[in-house]
Amino acid sequence: MPDRDLVLLETVKTHRARLVSAFLSGELAERRVINDNLRRLLGGIVLAAVVCAASVGFSFISAQLGKQARQQQQEQGMGPATGPVFASDTFDRTAPDGWGRADRGGTWQLAGPSEAYSVVNGAGLIRLEQSGAGPSVAERGGYLPGLEEDRSDMTVTVRPEPALTAGSSIVLSLQGRRVSSDQDYRAVVRLLRGGGTSVALVRISASDQVDSRVQQVSPTVTTPGSADAGDQPIPVSIRMQVIGGNPTTLRAKVWTGGAAEPQAWTVTGSDSTPDLQRPGTIGLLATGGITEGGQSDLAVTDLVARKAP
């Protein structure tokens, strides 16, 4: 009997040991599963954090690079004009004599007789007197007195009426900073047959020395016109920037035929003439240039002057 109890006791111990072992094995297996799941979860969290940090870092770097690119474009005057408008004229009115009041910037102050100017069909017209093979004596045009700026970004579109013939031209001076009647910074653009142009940046100052009153501050760049332009007048757009002082930065670009504005400037320059290192108004002047005789008009449209960045 004792032997039987002993055997029974040993059997119970054995079963209990097996149950404990099975329980512990199951618990360990469950713990391993939990640990594996936990490791996977932590790995996913770490991976997500790395991806998120990389994404944030990439976005930050991209934003910084974009900001630097925009700043560089602004410093170089690239891109479209976006500053606040301080003078503009769409010429959306009719005036038989003179140009009247601009949309913004005040009343046009014009040179010469009022009958040399009119507004019709969305354009301000300048009647240019021709003088045989030589240049016209008097410049015609005007300026807007409304507001003076030291950072101007001016755009205008012009076209000769009728179309220029071989050997004829019109000289347009776009005044990006006009400080007085005999002192300004200007882009001088010669309009040629077929939409051809030549452009240079010029400084006009009230010097006692005649030879130093007019100084070119950039090279002259010439773009030939189209040989098959026909008799249709070709519009020419000009944009000029005059920025800051000591030195003043000057830029101009010219494009024709309603094409998209080019990003690059046609001519650039700088100047530190003391009397011109201050704000000024904007304006334009024109002469008949070389011609075969007779009269021609210059149509001026879509003039906008903005504050440059």
Protein backbone atom coordinates (compact mmCIF):
# COMPACT_ATOMS: atom_id res chain seq x y z
CA MET A 1 0.00 0.00 0.00
CA PRO A 2 2.73 2.45 0.75
CA ASP A 3 4.38 1.55 -2.52
CA ARG A 4 1.13 2.22 -4.35
CA ASP A 5 0.78 5.62 -2.64
CA LEU A 6 4.33 6.42 -3.50
CA VAL A 7 3.78 5.54 -7.12
CA LEU A 8 0.60 7.65 -7.13
CA LEU A 9 2.44 10.53 -5.55
CA GLU A 10 5.21 10.33 -8.09
CA THR A 11 2.65 10.20 -10.87
CA VAL A 12 0.93 13.30 -9.57
CA LYS A 13 4.29 15.07 -9.30
CA THR A 14 5.15 14.08 -12.83
CA HIS A 15 1.81 15.34 -14.20
CA ARG A 16 2.17 18.53 -12.23
CA ALA A 17 5.69 19.08 -13.56
CA ARG A 18 4.44 18.46 -17.06
CA LEU A 19 1.57 20.93 -16.58
CA VAL A 20 3.93 23.55 -15.16
CA SER A 21 6.35 22.95 -18.02
CA ALA A 22 3.56 23.20 -20.59
CA PHE A 23 2.27 26.36 -18.94
CA LEU A 24 5.70 27.90 -18.84
CA SER A 25 6.35 26.90 -22.44
CA GLY A 26 3.05 28.44 -23.53
CA GLU A 27 3.78 31.59 -21.57
CA LEU A 28 7.24 31.82 -23.05
CA ALA A 29 5.85 31.27 -26.53
CA GLU A 30 3.21 33.93 -25.91
CA ARG A 31 5.87 36.25 -24.59
CA ARG A 32 7.96 35.60 -27.67
CA VAL A 33 4.98 36.45 -29.87
CA ILE A 34 4.31 39.58 -27.82
CA ASN A 35 7.97 40.55 -27.97
CA ASP A 36 8.07 39.92 -31.72
CA ASN A 37 4.95 42.03 -32.18
CA LEU A 38 6.39 44.72 -29.93
CA ARG A 39 9.64 44.73 -31.88
CA ARG A 40 7.70 45.00 -35.13
CA LEU A 41 5.63 47.83 -33.69
CA LEU A 42 8.69 49.67 -32.43
CA GLY A 43 10.43 49.07 -35.74
CA GLY A 44 7.44 50.49 -37.59
CA ILE A 45 7.37 53.52 -35.29
CA VAL A 46 11.10 54.11 -35.76
CA LEU A 47 10.80 53.68 -39.52
CA ALA A 48 7.84 56.05 -39.64
CA ALA A 49 9.77 58.56 -37.55
CA VAL A 50 12.78 58.30 -39.86
CA VAL A 51 10.60 58.67 -42.95
CA CYS A 52 8.75 61.60 -41.37
CA ALA A 53 12.00 63.29 -40.35
CA ALA A 54 13.43 62.74 -43.82
CA SER A 55 10.26 64.12 -45.38
CA VAL A 56 10.29 67.17 -43.11
CA GLY A 57 13.99 67.66 -43.78
CA PHE A 58 13.48 67.38 -47.52
CA SER A 59 10.54 69.77 -47.39
CA PHE A 60 12.57 72.24 -45.32
CA ILE A 61 15.56 72.02 -47.66
CA SER A 62 13.30 72.34 -50.70
CA ALA A 63 11.60 75.37 -49.15
CA GLN A 64 14.96 76.97 -48.35
CA LEU A 65 16.30 76.29 -51.84
CA GLY A 66 13.09 77.68 -53.34
CA LYS A 67 13.35 80.76 -51.14
CA GLN A 68 16.99 81.28 -52.13
CA ALA A 69 16.10 80.84 -55.81
CA ARG A 70 13.29 83.39 -55.51
CA GLN A 71 15.58 85.84 -53.70
CA GLN A 72 18.22 85.38 -56.39
CA GLN A 73 15.62 85.92 -59.10
CA GLN A 74 14.44 89.09 -57.37
CA GLU A 75 18.01 90.35 -57.01
CA GLN A 76 18.61 89.72 -60.71
CA GLY A 77 15.19 91.09 -61.67
CA MET A 78 14.09 87.82 -63.23
CA GLY A 79 10.51 86.67 -63.52
CA PRO A 80 7.40 88.70 -64.23
CA ALA A 81 6.74 92.10 -62.70
CA THR A 82 4.75 91.58 -59.50
CA GLY A 83 5.30 94.69 -57.36
CA PRO A 84 2.57 97.17 -56.42
CA VAL A 85 1.51 99.46 -59.28
CA PHE A 86 2.20 103.17 -58.82
CA ALA A 87 1.44 104.36 -62.38
CA SER A 88 -0.49 102.82 -65.27
CA ASP A 89 -2.48 103.64 -68.38
CA THR A 90 -4.55 101.34 -70.59
CA PHE A 91 -5.65 104.30 -72.78
CA ASP A 92 -9.21 103.00 -72.58
CA ARG A 93 -10.75 106.34 -73.52
CA THR A 94 -11.04 108.76 -76.44
CA ALA A 95 -9.27 112.11 -76.65
CA PRO A 96 -8.82 114.10 -79.87
CA ASP A 97 -6.09 116.35 -78.41
CA GLY A 98 -3.66 115.28 -75.72
CA TRP A 99 -3.73 112.13 -73.61
CA GLY A 100 -5.71 113.36 -70.63
CA ARG A 101 -5.53 111.63 -67.29
CA ALA A 102 -3.91 108.22 -66.88
CA ASP A 103 -5.60 105.38 -65.01
CA ARG A 104 -3.08 105.93 -62.22
CA GLY A 105 -0.31 108.50 -61.88
CA GLY A 106 -2.04 111.76 -62.74
CA THR A 107 -2.49 113.77 -65.93
CA TRP A 108 0.02 113.32 -68.72
CA GLN A 109 2.49 116.21 -69.00
CA LEU A 110 3.21 116.28 -72.74
CA ALA A 111 5.91 117.97 -74.80
CA GLY A 112 4.88 120.00 -77.82
CA PRO A 113 1.45 120.90 -79.20
CA SER A 114 -1.58 118.99 -77.91
CA GLU A 115 -2.67 118.23 -81.48
CA ALA A 116 0.39 115.99 -81.78
CA TYR A 117 -1.32 113.57 -79.37
CA SER A 118 -4.60 111.67 -79.29
CA VAL A 119 -6.15 108.61 -77.68
CA VAL A 120 -8.17 106.19 -79.82
CA ASN A 121 -8.83 102.45 -80.00
CA GLY A 122 -7.01 101.70 -76.75
CA ALA A 123 -3.77 103.46 -77.70
CA GLY A 124 -2.11 106.78 -77.03
CA LEU A 125 -0.87 108.13 -80.38
CA ILE A 126 2.15 110.39 -80.89
CA ARG A 127 2.39 112.19 -84.22
CA LEU A 128 6.09 112.31 -85.11
CA GLU A 129 7.24 115.04 -87.46
CA GLN A 130 9.78 113.75 -89.94
CA SER A 131 12.59 115.76 -91.45
CA GLY A 132 13.90 114.08 -94.54
CA ALA A 133 16.94 111.87 -93.94
CA GLY A 134 17.89 113.44 -90.63
CA PRO A 135 16.53 113.00 -87.10
CA SER A 136 13.57 114.97 -85.87
CA VAL A 137 14.63 118.01 -83.88
CA ALA A 138 12.09 117.79 -81.07
CA GLU A 139 11.29 114.78 -78.91
CA ARG A 140 7.64 114.15 -78.30
CA GLY A 141 6.13 112.31 -75.39
CA GLY A 142 5.46 112.98 -71.75
CA TYR A 143 5.62 111.84 -68.15
CA LEU A 144 3.30 111.08 -65.24
CA PRO A 145 3.88 113.37 -62.24
CA GLY A 146 1.77 111.45 -59.74
CA LEU A 147 4.38 109.61 -57.69
CA GLU A 148 8.16 109.43 -57.47
CA GLU A 149 9.94 106.11 -56.95
CA ASP A 150 13.54 104.99 -56.54
CA ARG A 151 12.75 101.36 -57.47
CA SER A 152 10.74 101.38 -60.70
CA ASP A 153 9.81 98.42 -62.90
CA MET A 154 8.15 99.79 -66.05
CA THR A 155 6.62 97.94 -69.00
CA VAL A 156 5.03 99.33 -72.16
CA THR A 157 4.08 98.12 -75.63
CA VAL A 158 4.45 100.32 -78.71
CA ARG A 159 3.95 99.93 -82.44
CA PRO A 160 4.70 102.20 -85.41
CA GLU A 161 1.74 103.35 -87.49
CA PRO A 162 2.05 102.68 -90.37
CA ALA A 163 4.63 99.89 -90.47
CA LEU A 164 8.22 101.06 -90.91
CA THR A 165 9.76 100.71 -94.34
CA ALA A 166 13.36 99.93 -95.26
CA GLY A 167 15.64 102.74 -94.13
CA SER A 168 13.16 104.20 -91.63
CA SER A 169 13.11 104.00 -87.84
CA ILE A 170 11.62 105.48 -84.68
CA VAL A 171 13.67 106.14 -81.56
CA LEU A 172 11.81 105.57 -78.28
CA SER A 173 13.27 106.60 -74.91
CA LEU A 174 11.64 104.89 -71.94
CA GLN A 175 12.37 106.97 -68.83
CA GLY A 176 12.55 104.67 -65.83
CA ARG A 177 13.64 107.50 -63.52
CA ARG A 178 13.02 111.11 -64.49
CA VAL A 179 14.23 113.56 -61.83
CA SER A 180 13.91 116.72 -63.98
CA SER A 181 13.45 117.85 -67.57
CA ASP A 182 17.14 117.31 -68.33
CA GLN A 183 18.08 114.47 -65.96
CA ASP A 184 16.93 110.88 -66.26
CA TYR A 185 17.81 107.22 -66.75
CA ARG A 186 16.35 105.81 -69.94
CA ALA A 187 16.28 102.77 -72.19
CA VAL A 188 16.80 104.02 -75.74
CA VAL A 189 15.16 101.66 -78.23
CA ARG A 190 15.40 102.14 -81.99
CA LEU A 191 12.45 100.51 -83.75
CA LEU A 192 13.40 99.09 -87.14
CA ARG A 193 11.57 97.51 -90.04
CA GLY A 194 10.03 94.08 -89.44
CA GLY A 195 10.12 94.34 -85.66
CA GLY A 196 13.88 94.77 -85.45
CA THR A 197 15.27 96.72 -82.50
CA SER A 198 18.45 98.08 -81.01
CA VAL A 199 18.56 98.97 -77.31
CA ALA A 200 20.97 100.62 -74.88
CA LEU A 201 20.80 102.12 -71.39
CA VAL A 202 21.57 105.84 -71.22
CA ARG A 203 22.08 108.42 -68.50
CA ILE A 204 21.07 112.06 -69.12
CA SER A 205 22.52 114.54 -66.62
CA ALA A 206 22.69 118.32 -66.26
CA SER A 207 26.46 118.49 -66.63
CA ASP A 208 28.32 121.67 -67.54
CA GLN A 209 30.27 119.60 -70.05
CA VAL A 210 28.22 119.03 -73.19
CA ASP A 211 30.03 115.79 -73.99
CA SER A 212 29.18 114.29 -70.59
CA ARG A 213 25.47 115.13 -70.50
CA VAL A 214 24.53 111.99 -72.41
CA GLN A 215 26.38 108.83 -71.43
CA GLN A 216 25.64 105.28 -72.47
CA VAL A 217 25.90 102.90 -69.50
CA SER A 218 25.49 99.61 -71.37
CA PRO A 219 26.44 98.10 -74.71
CA THR A 220 24.01 98.44 -77.61
CA VAL A 221 22.26 95.18 -78.50
CA THR A 222 20.62 94.87 -81.93
CA THR A 223 18.01 92.29 -82.88
CA PRO A 224 17.17 92.04 -86.59
CA GLY A 225 13.59 92.15 -87.77
CA SER A 226 11.70 89.59 -89.82
CA ALA A 227 12.35 89.77 -93.56
CA ASP A 228 8.80 88.63 -94.36
CA ALA A 229 6.98 90.88 -91.89
CA GLY A 230 4.96 92.53 -94.66
CA ASP A 231 3.15 95.80 -94.16
CA GLN A 232 1.59 94.99 -90.77
CA PRO A 233 2.89 97.05 -87.83
CA ILE A 234 4.68 94.82 -85.33
CA PRO A 235 4.20 95.61 -81.62
CA VAL A 236 7.34 95.85 -79.50
CA SER A 237 7.30 95.47 -75.71
CA ILE A 238 9.94 97.07 -73.49
CA ARG A 239 10.54 96.53 -69.81
CA MET A 240 12.95 98.65 -67.79
CA GLN A 241 14.05 98.53 -64.16
CA VAL A 242 15.81 101.37 -62.32
CA ILE A 243 16.68 100.29 -58.78
CA GLY A 244 18.31 101.91 -55.77
CA GLY A 245 21.29 104.24 -55.71
CA ASN A 246 25.06 104.53 -55.38
CA PRO A 247 25.11 102.73 -57.68
CA THR A 248 21.75 102.64 -59.42
CA THR A 249 21.07 99.32 -61.15
CA LEU A 250 19.57 99.55 -64.64
CA ARG A 251 18.09 96.76 -66.77
CA ALA A 252 16.05 96.58 -69.95
CA LYS A 253 14.62 93.88 -72.18
CA VAL A 254 12.82 94.02 -75.52
CA TRP A 255 10.60 91.45 -77.23
CA THR A 256 8.34 91.61 -80.26
CA GLY A 257 5.22 90.26 -81.92
CA GLY A 258 3.24 89.48 -78.79
CA ALA A 259 5.70 86.73 -77.79
CA ALA A 260 6.21 85.67 -74.17
CA GLU A 261 8.49 87.92 -72.14
CA PRO A 262 12.05 86.53 -72.10
CA GLN A 263 13.56 85.82 -68.70
CA ALA A 264 16.98 87.29 -69.47
CA TRP A 265 17.61 91.02 -69.68
CA THR A 266 18.76 92.36 -73.04
CA VAL A 267 21.05 95.01 -71.49
CA THR A 268 22.20 95.79 -67.94
CA GLY A 269 24.29 98.55 -66.40
CA SER A 270 24.87 100.72 -63.35
CA ASP A 271 25.59 104.37 -62.64
CA SER A 272 26.32 106.64 -59.67
CA THR A 273 25.78 110.14 -61.07
CA PRO A 274 25.03 112.16 -57.88
CA ASP A 275 22.03 114.14 -59.14
CA LEU A 276 20.27 110.94 -60.24
CA GLN A 277 20.58 109.07 -56.94
CA ARG A 278 17.07 109.98 -55.82
CA PRO A 279 13.47 109.07 -56.68
CA GLY A 280 11.90 110.17 -59.94
CA THR A 281 8.82 109.86 -62.10
CA ILE A 282 8.37 107.74 -65.24
CA GLY A 283 7.81 108.80 -68.83
CA LEU A 284 8.60 108.23 -72.49
CA LEU A 285 9.85 110.26 -75.43
CA ALA A 286 10.08 109.54 -79.16
CA THR A 287 11.61 110.97 -82.31
CA GLY A 288 11.16 110.09 -85.95
CA GLY A 289 14.75 109.03 -86.52
CA ILE A 290 15.85 108.19 -90.05
CA THR A 291 12.99 108.23 -92.52
CA GLU A 292 12.12 108.40 -96.17
CA GLY A 293 9.94 111.44 -95.49
CA GLY A 294 6.36 112.11 -94.47
CA GLN A 295 4.75 111.53 -91.09
CA SER A 296 4.27 108.52 -88.85
CA ASP A 297 2.59 107.79 -85.55
CA LEU A 298 3.75 105.81 -82.56
CA ALA A 299 0.96 103.94 -80.76
CA VAL A 300 1.53 103.43 -77.02
CA THR A 301 -0.45 100.76 -75.14
CA ASP A 302 -0.53 98.96 -71.80
CA LEU A 303 1.85 101.12 -69.78
CA VAL A 304 2.43 99.83 -66.24
CA ALA A 305 4.98 101.01 -63.66
CA ARG A 306 5.47 98.94 -60.52
CA LYS A 307 7.65 99.23 -57.47
CA ALA A 308 10.55 96.83 -58.06
CA PRO A 309 11.36 94.23 -55.37
